[in-house]
């Protein structure tokens, strides 16, 4: 910035006199605009709009939630970009929606562009993050479309409004001049965004989705939270007919309460309210994709996380298709989602080492810590025929379902479908070493109309029986306990072998109407320090991980399967 007080190139305050001094900016927006008038947000308007610096630069943003610091992105008022007090233009005049941060300059391999919160070196605690809040109609706080080799770390992204754009009764006013102080999405992506990294990023309370759009090759998200976004956690369908490509790893994640608008200001320990589903003009997936073939393929993996209490499906990759595409879910806790907990297999699918509760009626309940009536407009519980998990088996691939623990009171725990052909040589399934614990599908377990009254059906296959019978498929060493009365164990029509038809003696074998094995669900934290402007803390690590990390894997060689038992010194 050539005519302002500071040039943004030194980590020290303004000395008090002069212009263009070597000191830090006092507003994050000065990283991508100089305060002058512009009506365009593309590169042609630079320096009025566009990041200063070049690819490979490091942008350090001082201040954190524990310091009471939050930076606005977008207009300062509903009326326009001009701030009358400072006489600066913050954003694009006439276009509040495009007034978020523009795409940062691409870095290179070995020299990425880095946008860092102050505490990036030690940022797992949510209060350590630097907060940016979008407002007055911003479409995306960060626009990453087309930017490659960029890292964003130690950032909290939100808005300062309780309104939503997905059927919420408190709908956002999107009319210029009357705008609510909201931002639609946290981060926008495209498949032209490659080799990007999000690390220790907490996205919550957006009026639409935490993230929108697909990603390109080499993308990694670590320690990512997508919580309480009014439409979806991550809607990878940007509506432009494009989907992702290349590799994507999402590791150490929490995706929960999406389809619900977050309170502002926060007054409840679990500040999620005004929830909507597809019957109420809402959406609600934790993660969902476009119904478009990826070319080249998109290889997506979610690892070591939790997905819970979303108003539609948890992780929905049933539409992730195209040659070379795949969806892998590992070491994940899934529960309380209103639709299906996990869905894979649009092209090729793998689920291993997960703990899954099919309690799709969870959001019917009065969950401790939530605002009264948070679920008043929800109705489409247990959609898709009350199947808790869904996988599809396809030609040319082996669908893998291994070492999962499934607790189910659903009509069906696992639905298995096949594509239209399912050729004998290449349409294969490998289903091994899983544990199924069934519960009655009845009113006591969450079904107000009474349900079937029987125990959960472990598997619904129908047309998929041919996949189980294909040479090369494996269905063995699975434990089944309390199955539907007409379920045979072993299921010989599915060529099941080495079945274990008895109690697996897990740490917890009770049904939970909500949550996952404790009376306090993930997402409920102490009321202190929860305001967006202060110290909003991330939900505690899921207590059920005592089953994954606080338990030992015991291999029973004689039975050939693996189960979890309590550690002796726990």
Protein backbone atom coordinates (compact mmCIF):
# COMPACT_ATOMS: atom_id res chain seq x y z
CA UNK A 1 0.00 0.00 0.00
CA UNK A 2 1.93 3.02 -1.27
CA UNK A 3 -0.02 5.90 0.26
CA UNK A 4 -1.06 4.49 3.63
CA UNK A 5 0.67 4.54 6.97
CA UNK A 6 2.19 1.03 6.67
CA UNK A 7 3.41 -1.18 3.84
CA UNK A 8 2.60 -4.43 5.67
CA UNK A 9 6.16 -5.72 5.38
CA UNK A 10 7.31 -5.53 8.99
CA UNK A 11 5.89 -7.11 12.12
CA UNK A 12 5.77 -3.94 14.19
CA UNK A 13 3.30 -1.11 14.86
CA UNK A 14 3.02 2.19 13.03
CA UNK A 15 5.69 4.54 14.46
CA UNK A 16 3.28 7.46 14.55
CA UNK A 17 4.34 9.56 11.58
CA UNK A 18 4.91 9.20 7.86
CA UNK A 19 3.46 7.08 5.07
CA UNK A 20 4.40 3.73 3.63
CA UNK A 21 6.40 2.88 6.75
CA UNK A 22 7.75 -0.60 7.44
CA UNK A 23 5.00 -1.72 9.79
CA UNK A 24 2.00 -4.03 9.96
CA UNK A 25 -1.46 -3.27 8.57
CA UNK A 26 -4.20 -2.66 11.12
CA UNK A 27 -6.93 -4.37 9.07
CA UNK A 28 -6.71 -7.80 7.43
CA UNK A 29 -8.52 -6.49 4.34
CA UNK A 30 -5.51 -4.34 3.51
CA UNK A 31 -3.78 -7.55 2.45
CA UNK A 32 -5.99 -7.60 -0.64
CA UNK A 33 -7.28 -4.05 -1.12
CA UNK A 34 -6.07 -0.49 -0.70
CA UNK A 35 -9.34 1.13 0.30
CA UNK A 36 -10.02 2.80 -3.03
CA UNK A 37 -13.22 2.59 -5.09
CA UNK A 38 -13.73 -0.37 -7.40
CA UNK A 39 -16.65 -2.19 -8.94
CA UNK A 40 -14.73 -5.27 -10.10
CA UNK A 41 -13.12 -8.04 -8.10
CA UNK A 42 -10.80 -9.47 -10.76
CA UNK A 43 -7.09 -8.79 -11.28
CA UNK A 44 -7.80 -5.80 -13.51
CA UNK A 45 -8.76 -3.74 -10.47
CA UNK A 46 -5.45 -4.16 -8.63
CA UNK A 47 -4.37 -2.47 -6.36
CA UNK A 48 -7.95 -1.61 -5.45
CA UNK A 49 -8.59 -5.35 -5.14
CA UNK A 50 -6.15 -8.27 -5.23
CA UNK A 51 -3.54 -9.63 -2.85
CA UNK A 52 -0.36 -7.63 -2.39
CA UNK A 53 2.85 -9.59 -2.65
CA UNK A 54 3.51 -12.64 -4.77
CA UNK A 55 3.30 -16.40 -4.74
CA UNK A 56 5.40 -17.93 -1.99
CA UNK A 57 4.89 -15.00 0.39
CA UNK A 58 3.87 -15.51 4.01
CA UNK A 59 0.91 -13.51 5.36
CA UNK A 60 0.91 -13.51 9.16
CA UNK A 61 -2.26 -12.32 10.90
CA UNK A 62 -1.74 -11.34 14.53
CA UNK A 63 -4.36 -11.69 17.24
CA UNK A 64 -6.44 -14.65 18.36
CA UNK A 65 -9.77 -15.47 19.92
CA UNK A 66 -8.16 -15.69 23.34
CA UNK A 67 -7.05 -12.08 22.81
CA UNK A 68 -10.58 -11.01 21.86
CA UNK A 69 -9.55 -10.28 18.27
CA UNK A 70 -11.77 -10.80 15.20
CA UNK A 71 -11.30 -9.31 11.73
CA UNK A 72 -14.20 -8.36 9.47
CA UNK A 73 -14.24 -9.43 5.80
CA UNK A 74 -16.60 -7.61 3.43
CA UNK A 75 -18.54 -4.40 3.81
CA UNK A 76 -18.75 -2.51 7.09
CA UNK A 77 -22.46 -1.80 6.65
CA UNK A 78 -25.50 -2.96 4.72
CA UNK A 79 -25.58 0.16 2.55
CA UNK A 80 -22.36 -0.07 0.56
CA UNK A 81 -18.61 -0.56 0.43
CA UNK A 82 -17.79 2.97 1.58
CA UNK A 83 -17.11 3.30 5.28
CA UNK A 84 -18.15 6.83 6.18
CA UNK A 85 -15.95 7.00 9.26
CA UNK A 86 -12.66 6.09 7.57
CA UNK A 87 -13.62 7.10 4.01
CA UNK A 88 -12.22 3.74 2.92
CA UNK A 89 -13.94 1.32 0.55
CA UNK A 90 -14.06 -2.12 2.10
CA UNK A 91 -15.03 -4.49 -0.69
CA UNK A 92 -16.62 -4.12 -4.10
CA UNK A 93 -19.04 -1.25 -4.53
CA UNK A 94 -22.44 -2.59 -5.59
CA UNK A 95 -21.41 -6.23 -5.10
CA UNK A 96 -21.28 -7.32 -1.46
CA UNK A 97 -21.29 -10.97 -2.49
CA UNK A 98 -17.89 -10.70 -4.22
CA UNK A 99 -16.37 -8.72 -1.36
CA UNK A 100 -14.65 -11.61 0.38
CA UNK A 101 -10.94 -12.27 0.15
CA UNK A 102 -10.03 -12.87 -3.53
CA UNK A 103 -7.99 -15.93 -4.60
CA UNK A 104 -4.51 -15.66 -3.08
CA UNK A 105 -1.47 -15.85 -5.37
CA UNK A 106 -0.38 -19.41 -6.10
CA UNK A 107 2.87 -20.60 -4.61
CA UNK A 108 5.01 -23.42 -5.87
CA UNK A 109 6.25 -26.80 -4.72
CA UNK A 110 8.64 -26.11 -1.87
CA UNK A 111 7.55 -22.47 -1.62
CA UNK A 112 3.81 -22.34 -0.92
CA UNK A 113 1.93 -19.16 -0.24
CA UNK A 114 1.06 -19.23 3.47
CA UNK A 115 -1.79 -17.42 5.24
CA UNK A 116 -1.21 -17.98 8.93
CA UNK A 117 -2.88 -17.12 12.19
CA UNK A 118 -0.47 -15.90 14.83
CA UNK A 119 -0.32 -19.17 16.76
CA UNK A 120 0.10 -21.44 13.74
CA UNK A 121 2.96 -23.35 15.38
CA UNK A 122 0.67 -24.58 18.19
CA UNK A 123 -2.96 -24.13 17.21
CA UNK A 124 -5.03 -27.17 18.16
CA UNK A 125 -6.85 -25.17 20.83
CA UNK A 126 -9.72 -23.26 19.22
CA UNK A 127 -9.04 -20.11 21.23
CA UNK A 128 -5.56 -19.94 19.71
CA UNK A 129 -6.98 -19.37 16.25
CA UNK A 130 -7.21 -16.04 14.49
CA UNK A 131 -10.81 -15.26 13.57
CA UNK A 132 -12.08 -13.77 10.31
CA UNK A 133 -15.81 -13.11 10.15
CA UNK A 134 -17.54 -12.42 6.87
CA UNK A 135 -20.47 -10.06 6.77
CA UNK A 136 -23.14 -8.22 4.80
CA UNK A 137 -23.62 -10.83 2.11
CA UNK A 138 -20.10 -12.11 1.42
CA UNK A 139 -20.38 -15.27 -0.71
CA UNK A 140 -17.15 -16.77 0.65
CA UNK A 141 -14.78 -15.46 3.28
CA UNK A 142 -11.88 -17.15 1.46
CA UNK A 143 -12.01 -17.76 -2.30
CA UNK A 144 -9.51 -20.48 -3.18
CA UNK A 145 -10.75 -21.08 -6.72
CA UNK A 146 -7.76 -21.47 -9.02
CA UNK A 147 -5.16 -20.98 -6.28
CA UNK A 148 -2.55 -23.72 -5.92
CA UNK A 149 0.22 -24.43 -3.44
CA UNK A 150 -1.48 -22.31 -0.78
CA UNK A 151 -1.63 -23.12 2.93
CA UNK A 152 -4.17 -21.61 5.32
CA UNK A 153 -3.48 -22.43 8.97
CA UNK A 154 -4.72 -21.51 12.44
CA UNK A 155 -7.80 -19.64 11.25
CA UNK A 156 -11.36 -19.49 12.60
CA UNK A 157 -13.96 -18.59 9.96
CA UNK A 158 -17.52 -17.53 10.84
CA UNK A 159 -20.06 -14.72 10.60
CA UNK A 160 -21.83 -12.62 13.21
CA UNK A 161 -25.42 -13.60 12.47
CA UNK A 162 -27.81 -16.42 13.39
CA UNK A 163 -29.61 -16.24 10.04
CA UNK A 164 -29.50 -18.96 7.41
CA UNK A 165 -30.16 -19.34 3.68
CA UNK A 166 -31.39 -22.94 3.70
CA UNK A 167 -35.01 -22.79 4.81
CA UNK A 168 -34.27 -21.28 8.21
CA UNK A 169 -37.14 -19.38 9.80
CA UNK A 170 -34.63 -16.63 10.51
CA UNK A 171 -33.70 -16.16 6.87
CA UNK A 172 -30.91 -13.83 5.82
CA UNK A 173 -31.95 -10.62 4.07
CA UNK A 174 -29.96 -10.61 0.82
CA UNK A 175 -31.18 -7.30 -0.56
CA UNK A 176 -28.50 -4.65 -0.93
CA UNK A 177 -29.30 -1.86 1.46
CA UNK A 178 -31.08 -4.23 3.83
CA UNK A 179 -28.47 -6.95 4.08
CA UNK A 180 -28.20 -9.12 7.15
CA UNK A 181 -24.68 -9.26 8.55
CA UNK A 182 -24.00 -12.76 7.23
CA UNK A 183 -21.56 -14.67 5.04
CA UNK A 184 -22.80 -17.57 2.93
CA UNK A 185 -19.75 -19.84 2.86
CA UNK A 186 -16.45 -20.13 4.66
CA UNK A 187 -14.15 -21.31 1.85
CA UNK A 188 -14.89 -21.71 -1.88
CA UNK A 189 -12.96 -24.27 -3.96
CA UNK A 190 -12.65 -25.48 -7.54
CA UNK A 191 -10.91 -28.44 -9.16
CA UNK A 192 -8.34 -25.94 -10.45
CA UNK A 193 -7.19 -25.54 -6.84
CA UNK A 194 -4.33 -28.02 -6.41
CA UNK A 195 -1.78 -28.88 -3.72
CA UNK A 196 -3.51 -26.69 -1.15
CA UNK A 197 -3.52 -27.23 2.61
CA UNK A 198 -5.91 -26.30 5.41
CA UNK A 199 -4.48 -26.93 8.88
CA UNK A 200 -6.17 -26.17 12.19
CA UNK A 201 -9.09 -24.41 10.53
CA UNK A 202 -12.43 -24.07 12.34
CA UNK A 203 -15.37 -23.10 10.10
CA UNK A 204 -18.70 -22.61 11.84
CA UNK A 205 -21.92 -20.67 11.78
CA UNK A 206 -21.98 -19.87 8.06
CA UNK A 207 -25.35 -19.02 6.53
CA UNK A 208 -24.95 -21.70 3.85
CA UNK A 209 -22.00 -24.13 3.80
CA UNK A 210 -18.76 -24.33 5.68
CA UNK A 211 -17.08 -25.04 2.36
CA UNK A 212 -18.40 -25.09 -1.21
CA UNK A 213 -17.00 -26.58 -4.40
CA UNK A 214 -14.68 -29.49 -5.21
CA UNK A 215 -10.90 -29.68 -4.98
CA UNK A 216 -8.05 -30.53 -7.33
CA UNK A 217 -5.08 -32.84 -6.97
CA UNK A 218 -2.86 -32.99 -3.91
CA UNK A 219 -5.25 -31.27 -1.49
CA UNK A 220 -4.85 -31.92 2.24
CA UNK A 221 -7.10 -30.79 5.09
CA UNK A 222 -5.79 -31.47 8.61
CA UNK A 223 -7.57 -30.69 11.87
CA UNK A 224 -10.62 -29.28 10.13
CA UNK A 225 -13.93 -28.48 11.83
CA UNK A 226 -17.16 -27.86 9.90
CA UNK A 227 -19.78 -27.18 12.56
CA UNK A 228 -23.20 -25.60 12.65
CA UNK A 229 -23.40 -24.34 9.07
CA UNK A 230 -26.98 -23.69 8.00
CA UNK A 231 -27.00 -25.63 4.70
CA UNK A 232 -24.15 -28.15 4.75
CA UNK A 233 -20.73 -28.85 6.16
CA UNK A 234 -19.06 -29.20 2.79
CA UNK A 235 -21.19 -28.97 -0.33
CA UNK A 236 -18.71 -30.03 -3.00
CA UNK A 237 -21.32 -29.28 -5.67
CA UNK A 238 -20.84 -25.62 -6.58
CA UNK A 239 -23.62 -25.84 -9.16
CA UNK A 240 -21.34 -25.39 -12.17
CA UNK A 241 -21.46 -28.99 -13.36
CA UNK A 242 -17.91 -29.73 -12.21
CA UNK A 243 -16.57 -32.10 -9.62
CA UNK A 244 -13.22 -32.86 -8.07
CA UNK A 245 -10.15 -34.61 -9.42
CA UNK A 246 -6.90 -36.02 -8.07
CA UNK A 247 -6.20 -36.84 -4.45
CA UNK A 248 -7.86 -35.35 -1.37
CA UNK A 249 -7.06 -36.25 2.24
CA UNK A 250 -9.24 -34.98 5.10
CA UNK A 251 -7.61 -36.04 8.35
CA UNK A 252 -8.53 -35.29 11.97
CA UNK A 253 -11.88 -33.71 11.29
CA UNK A 254 -15.19 -32.92 12.95
CA UNK A 255 -18.25 -32.42 10.78
CA UNK A 256 -21.38 -31.89 12.81
CA UNK A 257 -24.67 -30.06 13.28
CA UNK A 258 -24.80 -28.92 9.67
CA UNK A 259 -28.28 -28.01 8.51
CA UNK A 260 -28.59 -26.02 11.74
CA UNK A 261 -27.84 -22.32 12.14
CA UNK A 262 -25.43 -21.44 14.90
CA UNK A 263 -26.63 -19.00 17.53
CA UNK A 264 -25.34 -15.45 17.56
CA UNK A 265 -24.49 -14.45 20.14
CA UNK A 266 -23.84 -17.90 21.54
CA UNK A 267 -25.79 -18.58 24.72
CA UNK A 268 -26.01 -22.39 24.82
CA UNK A 269 -23.27 -25.01 25.23
CA UNK A 270 -24.43 -26.65 21.98
CA UNK A 271 -25.47 -23.48 20.11
CA UNK A 272 -27.26 -25.09 17.14
CA UNK A 273 -30.83 -24.08 16.33
CA UNK A 274 -33.29 -23.36 13.50
CA UNK A 275 -32.41 -26.74 11.97
CA UNK A 276 -33.91 -27.68 8.59
CA UNK A 277 -33.98 -30.76 6.39
CA UNK A 278 -35.07 -31.51 2.83
CA UNK A 279 -38.73 -31.37 3.90
CA UNK A 280 -38.21 -27.79 5.07
CA UNK A 281 -36.26 -26.42 2.07
CA UNK A 282 -33.00 -27.42 3.72
CA UNK A 283 -30.07 -29.63 2.79
CA UNK A 284 -27.97 -30.90 5.68
CA UNK A 285 -25.23 -33.21 4.38
CA UNK A 286 -21.98 -33.23 6.29
CA UNK A 287 -20.21 -33.86 2.98
CA UNK A 288 -21.87 -34.24 -0.42
CA UNK A 289 -20.77 -34.14 -4.04
CA UNK A 290 -22.16 -33.29 -7.46
CA UNK A 291 -23.76 -36.06 -9.53
CA UNK A 292 -21.11 -35.72 -12.22
CA UNK A 293 -18.36 -38.10 -13.33
CA UNK A 294 -14.89 -36.94 -12.33
CA UNK A 295 -12.39 -36.93 -15.17
CA UNK A 296 -9.70 -37.60 -14.21
CA UNK A 297 -10.85 -39.45 -11.14
CA UNK A 298 -11.21 -37.96 -7.67
CA UNK A 299 -9.69 -40.03 -4.87
CA UNK A 300 -11.18 -38.86 -1.56
CA UNK A 301 -10.20 -40.11 1.88
CA UNK A 302 -11.63 -39.14 5.26
CA UNK A 303 -9.49 -40.43 8.13
CA UNK A 304 -9.59 -40.13 11.93
CA UNK A 305 -12.58 -37.92 12.51
CA UNK A 306 -16.19 -37.74 13.54
CA UNK A 307 -19.35 -36.92 11.58
CA UNK A 308 -22.51 -36.43 13.58
CA UNK A 309 -25.90 -34.76 14.00
CA UNK A 310 -26.16 -33.50 10.43
CA UNK A 311 -29.72 -33.08 9.15
CA UNK A 312 -29.23 -35.32 6.11
CA UNK A 313 -26.38 -37.77 5.47
CA UNK A 314 -23.06 -37.79 7.28
CA UNK A 315 -20.53 -38.44 4.51
CA UNK A 316 -22.30 -38.95 1.17
CA UNK A 317 -20.04 -40.04 -1.66
CA UNK A 318 -22.55 -42.21 -3.46
CA UNK A 319 -22.41 -39.79 -6.40
CA UNK A 320 -18.61 -39.69 -6.52
CA UNK A 321 -18.23 -41.41 -9.87
CA UNK A 322 -15.90 -41.55 -12.86
CA UNK A 323 -13.02 -43.81 -13.83
CA UNK A 324 -10.35 -43.81 -11.15
CA UNK A 325 -12.56 -42.20 -8.51
CA UNK A 326 -12.82 -43.60 -5.00
CA UNK A 327 -14.07 -42.81 -1.50
CA UNK A 328 -12.31 -44.15 1.57
CA UNK A 329 -13.49 -43.67 5.16
CA UNK A 330 -11.21 -44.91 7.95
CA UNK A 331 -11.04 -44.59 11.74
CA UNK A 332 -14.18 -42.45 11.82
CA UNK A 333 -16.98 -42.16 14.36
CA UNK A 334 -20.40 -41.61 12.71
CA UNK A 335 -23.66 -41.12 14.59
CA UNK A 336 -26.85 -39.11 14.85
CA UNK A 337 -27.10 -38.07 11.20
CA UNK A 338 -30.74 -37.93 10.06
CA UNK A 339 -30.15 -39.82 6.83
CA UNK A 340 -27.48 -42.43 6.35
CA UNK A 341 -24.34 -42.22 8.42
CA UNK A 342 -21.87 -43.15 5.66
CA UNK A 343 -22.38 -43.72 1.92
CA UNK A 344 -19.64 -44.90 -0.44
CA UNK A 345 -19.26 -46.73 -3.68
CA UNK A 346 -20.34 -44.42 -6.47
CA UNK A 347 -17.24 -45.64 -8.26
CA UNK A 348 -15.11 -47.47 -5.71
CA UNK A 349 -15.54 -47.50 -1.95
CA UNK A 350 -13.73 -48.50 1.22
CA UNK A 351 -14.86 -48.32 4.86
CA UNK A 352 -12.50 -49.71 7.48
CA UNK A 353 -11.98 -49.38 11.23
CA UNK A 354 -15.02 -47.17 11.86
CA UNK A 355 -17.50 -47.01 14.74
CA UNK A 356 -21.01 -46.36 13.43
CA UNK A 357 -24.25 -45.76 15.32
CA UNK A 358 -27.29 -45.71 13.04
CA UNK A 359 -29.31 -43.56 15.47
CA UNK A 360 -30.97 -41.48 12.74
CA UNK A 361 -33.68 -40.37 15.19
CA UNK A 362 -31.14 -38.63 17.41
CA UNK A 363 -32.21 -35.12 16.46
CA UNK A 364 -35.79 -35.90 17.57
CA UNK A 365 -34.51 -35.92 21.12
CA UNK A 366 -33.98 -33.15 23.63
CA UNK A 367 -30.22 -33.12 23.46
CA UNK A 368 -28.62 -31.50 26.51
CA UNK A 369 -27.12 -28.10 25.84
CA UNK A 370 -29.20 -27.28 22.76
CA UNK A 371 -31.66 -24.37 22.51
CA UNK A 372 -35.32 -25.22 23.09
CA UNK A 373 -37.03 -26.12 19.82
CA UNK A 374 -33.82 -26.53 17.82
CA UNK A 375 -35.48 -29.44 15.99
CA UNK A 376 -39.00 -28.01 15.59
CA UNK A 377 -38.84 -28.02 11.79
CA UNK A 378 -37.17 -31.39 11.27
CA UNK A 379 -39.28 -34.26 9.97
CA UNK A 380 -37.40 -36.44 7.46
CA UNK A 381 -35.79 -38.73 9.99
CA UNK A 382 -34.27 -42.00 8.76
CA UNK A 383 -34.83 -41.14 5.11
CA UNK A 384 -33.93 -43.67 2.39
CA UNK A 385 -35.87 -46.59 3.89
CA UNK A 386 -34.17 -46.36 7.28
CA UNK A 387 -30.89 -47.90 6.14
CA UNK A 388 -28.02 -46.74 8.33
CA UNK A 389 -25.11 -47.26 5.93
CA UNK A 390 -25.01 -47.66 2.18
CA UNK A 391 -22.37 -49.07 -0.14
CA UNK A 392 -22.42 -49.80 -3.85
CA UNK A 393 -20.44 -52.52 -5.59
CA UNK A 394 -19.28 -51.74 -9.12
CA UNK A 395 -17.66 -53.44 -12.07
CA UNK A 396 -13.90 -53.15 -12.12
CA UNK A 397 -13.48 -52.58 -8.39
CA UNK A 398 -13.59 -54.29 -5.02
CA UNK A 399 -15.76 -52.57 -2.41
CA UNK A 400 -14.24 -53.03 1.05
CA UNK A 401 -16.12 -53.06 4.39
CA UNK A 402 -13.77 -54.28 7.10
CA UNK A 403 -13.16 -54.03 10.86
CA UNK A 404 -16.13 -51.77 11.48
CA UNK A 405 -18.28 -51.81 14.62
CA UNK A 406 -21.94 -51.12 13.84
CA UNK A 407 -24.63 -50.43 16.43
CA UNK A 408 -28.03 -50.43 14.76
CA UNK A 409 -31.70 -50.08 15.61
CA UNK A 410 -32.47 -49.12 12.01
CA UNK A 411 -34.72 -51.28 9.87
CA UNK A 412 -31.50 -52.14 8.01
CA UNK A 413 -27.97 -51.52 9.22
CA UNK A 414 -26.15 -51.90 5.89
CA UNK A 415 -27.68 -51.60 2.42
CA UNK A 416 -25.57 -53.04 -0.38
CA UNK A 417 -26.40 -52.21 -4.00
CA UNK A 418 -24.74 -53.05 -7.29
CA UNK A 419 -24.52 -51.35 -10.64
CA UNK A 420 -26.63 -52.58 -13.54
CA UNK A 421 -24.20 -55.25 -14.74
CA UNK A 422 -22.01 -56.51 -11.88
CA UNK A 423 -19.84 -58.79 -13.97
CA UNK A 424 -18.75 -61.96 -12.21
CA UNK A 425 -15.02 -61.38 -12.63
CA UNK A 426 -14.72 -57.76 -11.53
CA UNK A 427 -17.73 -56.81 -9.35
CA UNK A 428 -16.43 -57.81 -5.94
CA UNK A 429 -17.02 -57.14 -2.26
CA UNK A 430 -14.73 -57.82 0.69
CA UNK A 431 -16.66 -57.76 3.97
CA UNK A 432 -14.58 -59.13 6.82
CA UNK A 433 -13.95 -58.83 10.55
CA UNK A 434 -16.90 -56.54 11.31
CA UNK A 435 -19.00 -56.49 14.48
CA UNK A 436 -22.76 -55.91 14.32
CA UNK A 437 -24.80 -55.28 17.46
CA UNK A 438 -28.53 -55.00 16.82
CA UNK A 439 -31.32 -53.34 18.79
CA UNK A 440 -35.07 -53.34 18.39
CA UNK A 441 -36.62 -51.02 15.82
CA UNK A 442 -39.29 -49.68 18.18
CA UNK A 443 -40.59 -46.64 20.02
CA UNK A 444 -38.26 -47.08 22.97
CA UNK A 445 -35.31 -46.87 20.60
CA UNK A 446 -36.43 -43.70 18.83
CA UNK A 447 -39.22 -44.67 16.43
CA UNK A 448 -42.40 -42.89 17.61
CA UNK A 449 -44.67 -44.86 15.27
CA UNK A 450 -43.45 -48.11 16.74
CA UNK A 451 -41.18 -49.33 13.96
CA UNK A 452 -41.03 -53.01 13.06
CA UNK A 453 -40.64 -54.14 16.65
CA UNK A 454 -37.96 -56.57 15.50
CA UNK A 455 -34.20 -56.33 15.78
CA UNK A 456 -32.27 -54.54 13.05
CA UNK A 457 -31.64 -56.38 9.79
CA UNK A 458 -27.83 -56.56 9.42
CA UNK A 459 -27.72 -56.43 5.61
CA UNK A 460 -30.15 -55.68 2.80
CA UNK A 461 -28.62 -56.95 -0.43
CA UNK A 462 -31.29 -58.13 -2.91
CA UNK A 463 -29.62 -57.49 -6.31
CA UNK A 464 -26.23 -57.37 -4.59
CA UNK A 465 -26.36 -61.07 -3.76
CA UNK A 466 -24.61 -61.74 -7.06
CA UNK A 467 -21.64 -59.67 -5.90
CA UNK A 468 -21.31 -61.78 -2.76
CA UNK A 469 -21.43 -64.93 -4.86
CA UNK A 470 -18.82 -63.80 -7.36
CA UNK A 471 -15.53 -65.65 -7.14
CA UNK A 472 -13.04 -63.32 -5.50
CA UNK A 473 -15.54 -61.78 -3.10
CA UNK A 474 -15.09 -62.46 0.62
CA UNK A 475 -17.72 -62.40 3.38
CA UNK A 476 -16.19 -63.96 6.46
CA UNK A 477 -15.16 -63.66 10.10
CA UNK A 478 -17.94 -61.22 10.98
CA UNK A 479 -19.67 -61.13 14.37
CA UNK A 480 -23.46 -60.76 14.43
CA UNK A 481 -25.33 -60.26 17.71
CA UNK A 482 -29.08 -59.61 18.08
CA UNK A 483 -30.14 -59.67 14.44
CA UNK A 484 -33.61 -59.61 12.91
CA UNK A 485 -35.44 -62.85 13.65
CA UNK A 486 -35.30 -64.14 10.06
CA UNK A 487 -31.61 -63.34 9.62
CA UNK A 488 -29.57 -66.55 9.30
CA UNK A 489 -26.16 -66.59 10.93
CA UNK A 490 -24.13 -67.46 8.96
CA UNK A 491 -25.86 -65.87 5.96
CA UNK A 492 -25.25 -68.75 3.59
CA UNK A 493 -27.19 -67.16 0.72
CA UNK A 494 -24.47 -64.49 0.73
CA UNK A 495 -21.76 -67.16 0.97
CA UNK A 496 -20.81 -66.10 4.50
CA UNK A 497 -18.17 -68.25 6.17
CA UNK A 498 -16.50 -68.36 9.59
CA UNK A 499 -19.36 -66.37 11.10
CA UNK A 500 -19.41 -65.62 14.82
CA UNK A 501 -23.00 -65.60 16.07
CA UNK A 502 -22.62 -64.51 19.68
CA UNK A 503 -22.06 -61.56 22.00
CA UNK A 504 -18.82 -59.72 21.12
CA UNK A 505 -18.59 -58.27 24.66
CA UNK A 506 -17.85 -54.72 23.62
CA UNK A 507 -17.23 -52.00 26.19
CA UNK A 508 -20.72 -50.59 25.55
CA UNK A 509 -23.59 -52.65 24.20
CA UNK A 510 -26.48 -50.33 25.01
CA UNK A 511 -28.53 -48.27 22.56
CA UNK A 512 -28.25 -44.50 22.78
CA UNK A 513 -31.05 -42.36 21.41
CA UNK A 514 -28.46 -39.68 20.71
CA UNK A 515 -24.73 -39.50 21.08
CA UNK A 516 -22.50 -42.51 21.00
CA UNK A 517 -22.14 -44.12 24.37
CA UNK A 518 -22.14 -41.30 26.90
CA UNK A 519 -24.86 -38.99 28.20
CA UNK A 520 -22.96 -35.95 26.93
CA UNK A 521 -22.89 -35.76 23.11
CA UNK A 522 -19.98 -34.41 21.13
CA UNK A 523 -20.36 -30.69 20.74
CA UNK A 524 -21.47 -29.93 24.30
CA UNK A 525 -18.80 -27.89 26.05
CA UNK A 526 -18.72 -25.67 29.09
CA UNK A 527 -20.84 -22.52 28.65
CA UNK A 528 -17.83 -20.38 29.53
CA UNK A 529 -15.87 -19.03 26.61
CA UNK A 530 -18.26 -19.91 23.81
CA UNK A 531 -19.02 -16.51 22.27
CA UNK A 532 -17.86 -16.13 18.67
CA UNK A 533 -16.17 -12.87 19.58
CA UNK A 534 -14.35 -14.40 22.51
CA UNK A 535 -13.18 -17.97 22.94
CA UNK A 536 -15.36 -20.45 21.15
CA UNK A 537 -13.88 -23.83 21.86
CA UNK A 538 -14.05 -26.78 19.55
CA UNK A 539 -16.04 -29.81 20.72
CA UNK A 540 -14.08 -32.16 22.89
CA UNK A 541 -12.54 -35.23 21.31
CA UNK A 542 -15.35 -37.79 21.01
CA UNK A 543 -15.56 -39.84 24.18
CA UNK A 544 -16.26 -42.91 22.12
CA UNK A 545 -12.68 -42.86 20.98
CA UNK A 546 -11.99 -44.72 24.19
CA UNK A 547 -13.15 -47.64 22.06
CA UNK A 548 -10.55 -46.87 19.41
CA UNK A 549 -7.66 -45.41 21.36
CA UNK A 550 -8.41 -46.40 24.95
CA UNK A 551 -9.09 -49.99 24.09
CA UNK A 552 -6.88 -52.71 22.76
CA UNK A 553 -7.38 -54.68 19.61
CA UNK A 554 -7.48 -58.36 20.49
CA UNK A 555 -7.07 -60.79 17.65
CA UNK A 556 -8.83 -64.07 18.21
CA UNK A 557 -6.96 -66.33 15.87
CA UNK A 558 -9.28 -69.25 16.42
CA UNK A 559 -12.24 -67.20 15.26
CA UNK A 560 -10.30 -65.09 12.81
CA UNK A 561 -11.78 -61.71 13.70
CA UNK A 562 -10.88 -58.62 15.68
CA UNK A 563 -12.89 -56.97 18.42
CA UNK A 564 -12.44 -54.26 21.03
CA UNK A 565 -12.13 -54.94 24.72
CA UNK A 566 -11.55 -52.60 27.60
CA UNK A 567 -7.90 -52.02 28.47
CA UNK A 568 -7.10 -53.75 31.75
CA UNK A 569 -5.78 -50.57 33.34
CA UNK A 570 -8.51 -48.28 31.96
